[in-house]
Amino acid sequence: MNYLIVGAGLFGTVFAREAANRGNKVTIIERRNHIAGNIYTKEVDGIQVHQYGAHIFHTSNKEVWNYVHQFAEFNRYTNCPVANYKGHMYNLPFNMNTFSEMWGVKTPQEAMDKINEQRQEMAGKAPQNLEEQAISLIGRDIYEKLIKGYTEKQWGRKATELPAFIIKRLPVRLTYDNNYFNDDYQGIPIGGYTKMVEKMLDHPNITIELNTDFFDKKDEYLNNFDKVVYTGMIDKFFDYKLGELEYRSLHFETEEKNVGNYQGNAVINYTEAEIPYTRIIEHKHFEFGKGDKDKTIITREYPADWKRGDEPYYPVNNNRNNDLYKKYAELAGKQDKVIFGGRLGQYKYYNMDQVIAAALEAVNSEFGE
């Protein structure tokens, strides 16, 4: 069969490879001028620069971990972000290092006593919004310094206007452990994500066309291919006929610095509201300082409202949007020739391992394995 894959991101790439392995002809069209979607990396000064924000691969799914290892060797990078609040540095996720810096406590019991004391202001109350939910979980000090400003920048709304379910739980560790993820496997592909995706797409049955927009010839593509795997916005596919889903966008400012080490960590979050960006990424620290010893590359990440024509980075999964997505999903289910996938096609905030798992699930559904 002839398959058209719309989008050369992770979902489309995995499906393309697996379809090609089964003897099908696959054409990938990509609107951008490069493959790999938002995990695209570009080498600058010997440093693999994450062009669309930090991407740390982590999973507890052994099948997915084994799958990506067909195409890349991973380093042992462990995500240990730091929060900067008005010049004070706090380890993330919330752990004994955080509590010690915040309150001067030394033992897990002292930390828990302080948290419980601060949670008392919500005693007997059902949280009505994100602010109240966060205080009920962790207390006011950590909420005010490490959650409030960052979250309001991320979502573009006041915490009191955000639903409580966005923060169902918060990781609280009563150990001196700065590893952000609890997953069994974690790391970054040696040589960058683009190199990994190139290897995934290196197959005689796969053809790639860059700078090609599906919507320029949508009807022609649907007529000429046996099946279409679509990884763009599901509401755009249907010409927004039921209304617009909401997305958040991002803006990146990347610059070269004539120093070997700018901030001492790969990711530092800026949690005060007065600073417009949410974090600064220093890319060489994903690779333990590889690259030019006298230069470094940093990226400031700014969340932004999304409007048509902007790049959508992640869905806004509140009740209104989830209900609207269900209606679009019903329309999608009636499309015999089209498979919808990825963050935008399935309107889910997927991590990379979840995208791969979803793509493999779609492969199994399509080819009966």
Protein backbone atom coordinates (compact mmCIF):
# COMPACT_ATOMS: atom_id res chain seq x y z
CA MET A 1 0.00 0.00 0.00
CA ASN A 2 0.97 3.64 -0.40
CA TYR A 3 1.01 5.59 2.87
CA LEU A 4 1.25 9.35 3.24
CA ILE A 5 2.63 10.53 6.59
CA VAL A 6 1.82 14.16 7.39
CA GLY A 7 4.55 15.42 9.71
CA ALA A 8 8.08 14.11 10.30
CA GLY A 9 7.85 14.21 14.09
CA LEU A 10 8.14 11.22 16.38
CA PHE A 11 4.69 9.69 15.78
CA GLY A 12 4.95 9.97 12.01
CA THR A 13 8.54 8.72 11.99
CA VAL A 14 7.79 5.59 14.03
CA PHE A 15 4.74 4.75 11.91
CA ALA A 16 6.68 5.38 8.70
CA ARG A 17 9.51 3.08 9.73
CA GLU A 18 7.21 0.27 10.79
CA ALA A 19 5.03 0.57 7.66
CA ALA A 20 8.15 0.53 5.49
CA ASN A 21 9.51 -2.52 7.34
CA ARG A 22 6.31 -4.34 6.31
CA GLY A 23 6.87 -3.69 2.62
CA ASN A 24 4.68 -0.60 2.18
CA LYS A 25 5.65 2.50 0.22
CA VAL A 26 5.78 5.55 2.48
CA THR A 27 5.92 9.25 1.62
CA ILE A 28 6.50 11.73 4.45
CA ILE A 29 5.60 15.37 3.89
CA GLU A 30 6.82 17.97 6.38
CA ARG A 31 5.85 21.65 6.46
CA ARG A 32 9.16 22.69 8.07
CA ASN A 33 12.56 22.53 6.40
CA HIS A 34 13.79 19.67 8.58
CA ILE A 35 12.77 16.30 9.97
CA ALA A 36 12.29 15.34 13.66
CA GLY A 37 9.53 17.81 14.54
CA ASN A 38 9.94 19.49 17.92
CA ILE A 39 12.74 17.16 18.99
CA TYR A 40 14.96 18.52 16.21
CA THR A 41 18.55 19.17 17.30
CA LYS A 42 21.18 21.16 15.43
CA GLU A 43 24.92 21.15 16.08
CA VAL A 44 26.42 24.54 16.93
CA ASP A 45 29.96 24.89 18.34
CA GLY A 46 30.04 21.11 18.73
CA ILE A 47 26.92 21.31 20.95
CA GLN A 48 23.62 19.60 20.13
CA VAL A 49 21.12 22.46 20.43
CA HIS A 50 17.50 21.53 21.19
CA GLN A 51 15.85 23.96 18.78
CA TYR A 52 12.35 23.70 20.28
CA GLY A 53 13.03 23.43 23.98
CA ALA A 54 14.57 20.82 26.24
CA HIS A 55 13.75 17.20 25.44
CA ILE A 56 14.86 14.59 27.96
CA PHE A 57 13.90 11.04 27.08
CA HIS A 58 12.54 9.11 30.06
CA THR A 59 10.31 6.07 30.33
CA SER A 60 9.41 3.03 32.40
CA ASN A 61 8.18 1.26 29.27
CA LYS A 62 10.90 -1.27 28.46
CA GLU A 63 9.45 -1.99 25.02
CA VAL A 64 9.77 1.70 24.09
CA TRP A 65 13.28 1.93 25.59
CA ASN A 66 14.40 -1.09 23.58
CA TYR A 67 12.75 0.32 20.46
CA VAL A 68 14.67 3.62 20.46
CA HIS A 69 17.92 1.78 21.13
CA GLN A 70 17.69 0.29 17.65
CA PHE A 71 18.44 3.76 16.33
CA ALA A 72 20.57 5.51 18.95
CA GLU A 73 22.87 5.02 21.90
CA PHE A 74 21.80 7.12 24.88
CA ASN A 75 23.97 8.91 27.41
CA ARG A 76 23.23 8.77 31.14
CA TYR A 77 21.88 12.33 31.49
CA THR A 78 19.64 12.72 34.56
CA ASN A 79 17.24 15.64 34.68
CA CYS A 80 17.90 17.77 37.79
CA PRO A 81 16.40 21.21 37.13
CA VAL A 82 16.91 24.15 39.47
CA ALA A 83 14.45 26.97 40.21
CA ASN A 84 15.62 30.58 40.46
CA TYR A 85 13.24 32.73 42.52
CA LYS A 86 14.52 36.29 42.88
CA GLY A 87 18.11 35.07 42.95
CA HIS A 88 17.53 32.23 45.41
CA MET A 89 18.18 28.76 43.99
CA TYR A 90 15.99 25.77 44.85
CA ASN A 91 16.31 22.17 43.70
CA LEU A 92 13.45 20.50 41.83
CA PRO A 93 11.42 18.42 42.24
CA PHE A 94 10.48 19.40 45.80
CA ASN A 95 12.83 17.42 48.03
CA MET A 96 14.90 17.77 51.18
CA ASN A 97 17.36 20.08 49.39
CA THR A 98 14.42 22.36 48.51
CA PHE A 99 12.97 22.30 52.03
CA SER A 100 16.34 22.86 53.64
CA GLU A 101 16.99 25.93 51.46
CA MET A 102 13.41 27.21 51.97
CA TRP A 103 13.04 26.71 55.72
CA GLY A 104 16.38 25.60 57.15
CA VAL A 105 14.98 22.19 58.11
CA LYS A 106 17.34 19.24 58.37
CA THR A 107 15.19 16.12 58.76
CA PRO A 108 12.22 14.64 56.86
CA GLN A 109 10.03 15.01 59.96
CA GLU A 110 10.86 18.71 60.27
CA ALA A 111 10.03 19.20 56.59
CA MET A 112 6.72 17.35 56.89
CA ASP A 113 5.79 19.31 60.02
CA LYS A 114 6.40 22.57 58.14
CA ILE A 115 4.36 21.43 55.12
CA ASN A 116 1.47 20.29 57.33
CA GLU A 117 1.54 23.56 59.25
CA GLN A 118 1.27 25.55 56.00
CA ARG A 119 -1.45 23.35 54.56
CA GLN A 120 -3.72 24.19 57.48
CA GLU A 121 -5.09 27.31 55.79
CA MET A 122 -6.99 24.96 53.45
CA ALA A 123 -8.17 22.63 56.24
CA GLY A 124 -11.77 21.55 55.67
CA LYS A 125 -12.03 23.40 52.34
CA ALA A 126 -12.43 21.78 48.93
CA PRO A 127 -9.95 23.41 46.51
CA GLN A 128 -11.79 25.45 43.87
CA ASN A 129 -8.83 26.40 41.68
CA LEU A 130 -5.17 25.63 41.06
CA GLU A 131 -3.94 28.03 43.76
CA GLU A 132 -6.04 26.41 46.47
CA GLN A 133 -5.16 22.93 45.25
CA ALA A 134 -1.42 23.67 45.35
CA ILE A 135 -1.60 25.19 48.84
CA SER A 136 -3.58 22.19 50.07
CA LEU A 137 -0.81 19.91 48.81
CA ILE A 138 2.41 21.77 49.63
CA GLY A 139 1.65 24.96 51.58
CA ARG A 140 1.93 28.65 50.75
CA ASP A 141 5.70 29.24 50.76
CA ILE A 142 6.51 26.76 48.01
CA TYR A 143 3.35 27.68 46.11
CA GLU A 144 4.18 31.40 46.12
CA LYS A 145 7.86 31.01 45.26
CA LEU A 146 8.08 27.94 43.02
CA ILE A 147 4.63 27.30 41.50
CA LYS A 148 2.53 30.46 41.15
CA GLY A 149 4.58 32.64 38.80
CA TYR A 150 5.85 29.78 36.66
CA THR A 151 2.37 28.28 36.23
CA GLU A 152 0.74 31.59 35.39
CA LYS A 153 3.37 32.24 32.73
CA GLN A 154 2.99 28.72 31.36
CA TRP A 155 -0.79 28.92 30.99
CA GLY A 156 -1.23 32.65 30.44
CA ARG A 157 -3.84 32.89 33.21
CA LYS A 158 -4.01 33.61 36.92
CA ALA A 159 -3.69 30.53 39.12
CA THR A 160 -7.05 31.38 40.67
CA GLU A 161 -8.59 31.10 37.18
CA LEU A 162 -7.07 27.69 36.43
CA PRO A 163 -8.92 24.50 37.38
CA ALA A 164 -7.71 22.55 40.40
CA PHE A 165 -7.31 19.31 38.42
CA ILE A 166 -4.25 20.68 36.57
CA ILE A 167 -2.30 19.97 39.78
CA LYS A 168 -3.80 16.69 40.94
CA ARG A 169 -0.68 15.93 42.90
CA LEU A 170 2.78 17.35 43.42
CA PRO A 171 5.94 15.29 43.82
CA VAL A 172 7.19 15.66 47.39
CA ARG A 173 10.32 13.70 48.24
CA LEU A 174 11.61 13.48 51.76
CA THR A 175 15.05 12.53 50.45
CA TYR A 176 18.01 14.54 49.17
CA ASP A 177 17.40 13.36 45.60
CA ASN A 178 17.29 15.86 42.72
CA ASN A 179 16.39 13.38 39.95
CA TYR A 180 13.22 14.89 38.49
CA PHE A 181 11.84 11.67 36.98
CA ASN A 182 11.03 8.40 38.70
CA ASP A 183 11.24 6.41 35.47
CA ASP A 184 13.43 3.35 35.11
CA TYR A 185 15.21 4.67 32.00
CA GLN A 186 16.48 8.15 31.18
CA GLY A 187 18.96 9.81 28.85
CA ILE A 188 19.57 11.73 25.63
CA PRO A 189 20.66 10.25 22.26
CA ILE A 190 24.38 10.63 21.71
CA GLY A 191 24.76 12.83 18.64
CA GLY A 192 21.32 14.37 19.06
CA TYR A 193 17.71 13.52 18.27
CA THR A 194 18.00 14.48 14.60
CA LYS A 195 20.63 11.80 14.07
CA MET A 196 18.30 9.24 15.70
CA VAL A 197 15.37 10.24 13.49
CA GLU A 198 17.57 10.17 10.38
CA LYS A 199 18.42 6.58 11.17
CA MET A 200 14.77 5.72 11.73
CA LEU A 201 13.88 7.12 8.31
CA ASP A 202 16.81 5.52 6.52
CA HIS A 203 14.81 2.91 4.58
CA PRO A 204 14.48 2.31 0.82
CA ASN A 205 10.67 2.39 1.05
CA ILE A 206 10.59 5.88 2.63
CA THR A 207 10.57 9.15 0.64
CA ILE A 208 10.74 12.53 2.43
CA GLU A 209 9.47 15.86 1.09
CA LEU A 210 10.32 18.92 3.19
CA ASN A 211 8.80 22.41 2.91
CA THR A 212 5.53 20.76 1.88
CA ASP A 213 2.18 21.74 3.40
CA PHE A 214 -0.55 19.08 3.45
CA PHE A 215 -3.28 21.73 3.21
CA ASP A 216 -1.96 23.07 -0.10
CA LYS A 217 -3.17 19.87 -1.79
CA LYS A 218 -5.30 18.16 0.86
CA ASP A 219 -7.92 16.66 -1.47
CA GLU A 220 -5.28 15.48 -3.93
CA TYR A 221 -3.34 13.72 -1.17
CA LEU A 222 -6.47 12.06 0.19
CA ASN A 223 -7.35 10.80 -3.28
CA ASN A 224 -3.89 9.62 -4.31
CA PHE A 225 -2.83 7.62 -1.25
CA ASP A 226 -4.31 4.44 0.16
CA LYS A 227 -3.89 5.68 3.73
CA VAL A 228 -2.94 8.97 5.38
CA VAL A 229 -1.35 9.30 8.83
CA TYR A 230 -2.07 12.83 9.97
CA THR A 231 -0.17 14.33 12.94
CA GLY A 232 -1.27 17.95 12.69
CA MET A 233 -4.06 19.75 14.55
CA ILE A 234 -7.23 17.69 14.41
CA ASP A 235 -9.51 20.76 14.35
CA LYS A 236 -7.58 22.22 11.40
CA PHE A 237 -8.02 18.97 9.45
CA PHE A 238 -11.77 19.52 9.68
CA ASP A 239 -11.42 23.25 8.90
CA TYR A 240 -12.40 24.15 12.50
CA LYS A 241 -16.02 23.29 11.61
CA LEU A 242 -16.94 22.56 15.26
CA GLY A 243 -14.88 25.42 16.67
CA GLU A 244 -11.23 25.99 17.63
CA LEU A 245 -9.42 23.87 20.17
CA GLU A 246 -7.02 25.80 22.39
CA TYR A 247 -3.25 25.37 22.26
CA ARG A 248 -0.30 27.04 23.92
CA SER A 249 2.59 28.28 21.86
CA LEU A 250 6.23 28.97 22.71
CA HIS A 251 8.81 31.50 21.62
CA PHE A 252 12.53 30.76 21.84
CA GLU A 253 15.48 33.14 22.02
CA THR A 254 18.78 31.36 21.46
CA GLU A 255 22.19 32.99 21.75
CA GLU A 256 25.83 32.05 21.78
CA LYS A 257 27.86 33.10 24.83
CA ASN A 258 31.64 33.49 24.86
CA VAL A 259 31.98 31.57 28.10
CA GLY A 260 32.45 27.86 28.65
CA ASN A 261 29.75 27.58 31.31
CA TYR A 262 26.94 30.12 31.66
CA GLN A 263 24.64 28.79 34.39
CA GLY A 264 26.07 25.46 35.58
CA ASN A 265 22.95 23.40 34.80
CA ALA A 266 21.04 22.27 31.71
CA VAL A 267 17.70 23.70 32.90
CA ILE A 268 17.01 26.57 35.29
CA ASN A 269 13.39 27.61 35.81
CA TYR A 270 12.57 31.23 36.55
CA THR A 271 9.55 31.09 38.82
CA GLU A 272 8.87 34.76 39.57
CA ALA A 273 6.13 36.43 37.53
CA GLU A 274 8.24 39.53 36.75
CA ILE A 275 10.63 37.56 34.49
CA PRO A 276 8.76 36.83 31.23
CA TYR A 277 10.50 33.58 30.31
CA THR A 278 9.93 30.32 32.16
CA ARG A 279 13.39 28.83 31.87
CA ILE A 280 16.87 29.07 30.43
CA ILE A 281 18.35 25.98 28.81
CA GLU A 282 22.13 25.57 28.50
CA HIS A 283 22.44 22.85 25.90
CA LYS A 284 25.99 21.64 26.47
CA HIS A 285 25.07 20.34 29.93
CA PHE A 286 22.80 17.72 28.35
CA GLU A 287 26.07 16.21 27.11
CA PHE A 288 28.23 16.81 30.19
CA GLY A 289 29.99 19.86 28.75
CA LYS A 290 30.89 18.56 25.29
CA GLY A 291 31.56 21.06 22.53
CA ASP A 292 33.66 24.22 22.36
CA LYS A 293 35.21 24.73 25.80
CA ASP A 294 35.13 28.53 25.38
CA LYS A 295 31.56 28.88 24.10
CA THR A 296 28.09 27.86 25.14
CA ILE A 297 24.56 28.09 23.69
CA ILE A 298 21.61 29.16 25.81
CA THR A 299 17.89 29.39 25.02
CA ARG A 300 15.25 31.41 26.83
CA GLU A 301 11.77 29.92 26.61
CA TYR A 302 8.71 32.17 26.55
CA PRO A 303 5.18 30.73 26.70
CA ALA A 304 2.68 32.47 24.43
CA ASP A 305 -0.97 32.53 23.54
CA TRP A 306 -1.75 30.62 20.36
CA LYS A 307 -3.66 31.96 17.39
CA ARG A 308 -4.04 30.60 13.87
CA GLY A 309 -0.72 30.72 12.06
CA ASP A 310 1.33 30.26 15.24
CA GLU A 311 3.12 27.03 16.07
CA PRO A 312 1.00 24.95 18.48
CA TYR A 313 3.17 23.19 21.06
CA TYR A 314 0.73 21.61 23.45
CA PRO A 315 -3.02 21.28 24.01
CA VAL A 316 -4.97 23.00 26.78
CA ASN A 317 -6.74 19.98 28.25
CA ASN A 318 -9.49 21.66 30.24
CA ASN A 319 -13.09 20.45 30.26
CA ARG A 320 -14.24 22.68 27.42
CA ASN A 321 -11.46 21.57 25.07
CA ASN A 322 -11.66 17.90 26.00
CA ASP A 323 -15.40 17.90 25.26
CA LEU A 324 -14.80 19.59 21.90
CA TYR A 325 -12.01 17.14 21.07
CA LYS A 326 -14.37 14.21 21.64
CA LYS A 327 -16.64 15.63 18.94
CA TYR A 328 -13.71 15.95 16.55
CA ALA A 329 -12.61 12.41 17.45
CA GLU A 330 -16.05 11.18 16.39
CA LEU A 331 -15.53 12.82 12.99
CA ALA A 332 -12.05 11.32 12.81
CA GLY A 333 -13.48 7.86 13.46
CA LYS A 334 -15.53 8.17 10.29
CA GLN A 335 -12.45 8.81 8.14
CA ASP A 336 -11.67 5.38 6.70
CA LYS A 337 -8.41 6.46 5.07
CA VAL A 338 -6.98 8.68 7.82
CA ILE A 339 -5.17 7.78 11.04
CA PHE A 340 -4.81 10.66 13.53
CA GLY A 341 -1.80 10.64 15.83
CA GLY A 342 0.58 12.61 18.03
CA ARG A 343 0.05 15.49 20.45
CA LEU A 344 -1.95 17.54 17.95
CA GLY A 345 -3.80 14.76 16.16
CA GLN A 346 -4.91 13.11 19.40
CA TYR A 347 -4.99 16.33 21.47
CA LYS A 348 -2.97 14.89 24.34
CA TYR A 349 0.01 16.19 26.27
CA TYR A 350 2.27 13.28 25.35
CA ASN A 351 5.82 12.76 26.53
CA MET A 352 8.18 11.30 23.91
CA ASP A 353 7.85 7.75 25.16
CA GLN A 354 4.07 8.07 25.13
CA VAL A 355 4.16 9.28 21.52
CA ILE A 356 6.22 6.24 20.54
CA ALA A 357 3.92 3.88 22.45
CA ALA A 358 0.87 5.44 20.75
CA ALA A 359 2.52 5.12 17.33
CA LEU A 360 3.36 1.46 17.92
CA GLU A 361 -0.21 0.88 19.06
CA ALA A 362 -1.46 2.46 15.82
CA VAL A 363 0.94 0.24 13.87
CA ASN A 364 -0.40 -2.87 15.59
CA SER A 365 -3.97 -1.77 14.95
CA GLU A 366 -3.24 -1.08 11.29
CA PHE A 367 -1.26 -4.22 10.51
CA GLY A 368 -2.97 -6.66 12.85
CA GLU A 369 -0.03 -7.55 15.07
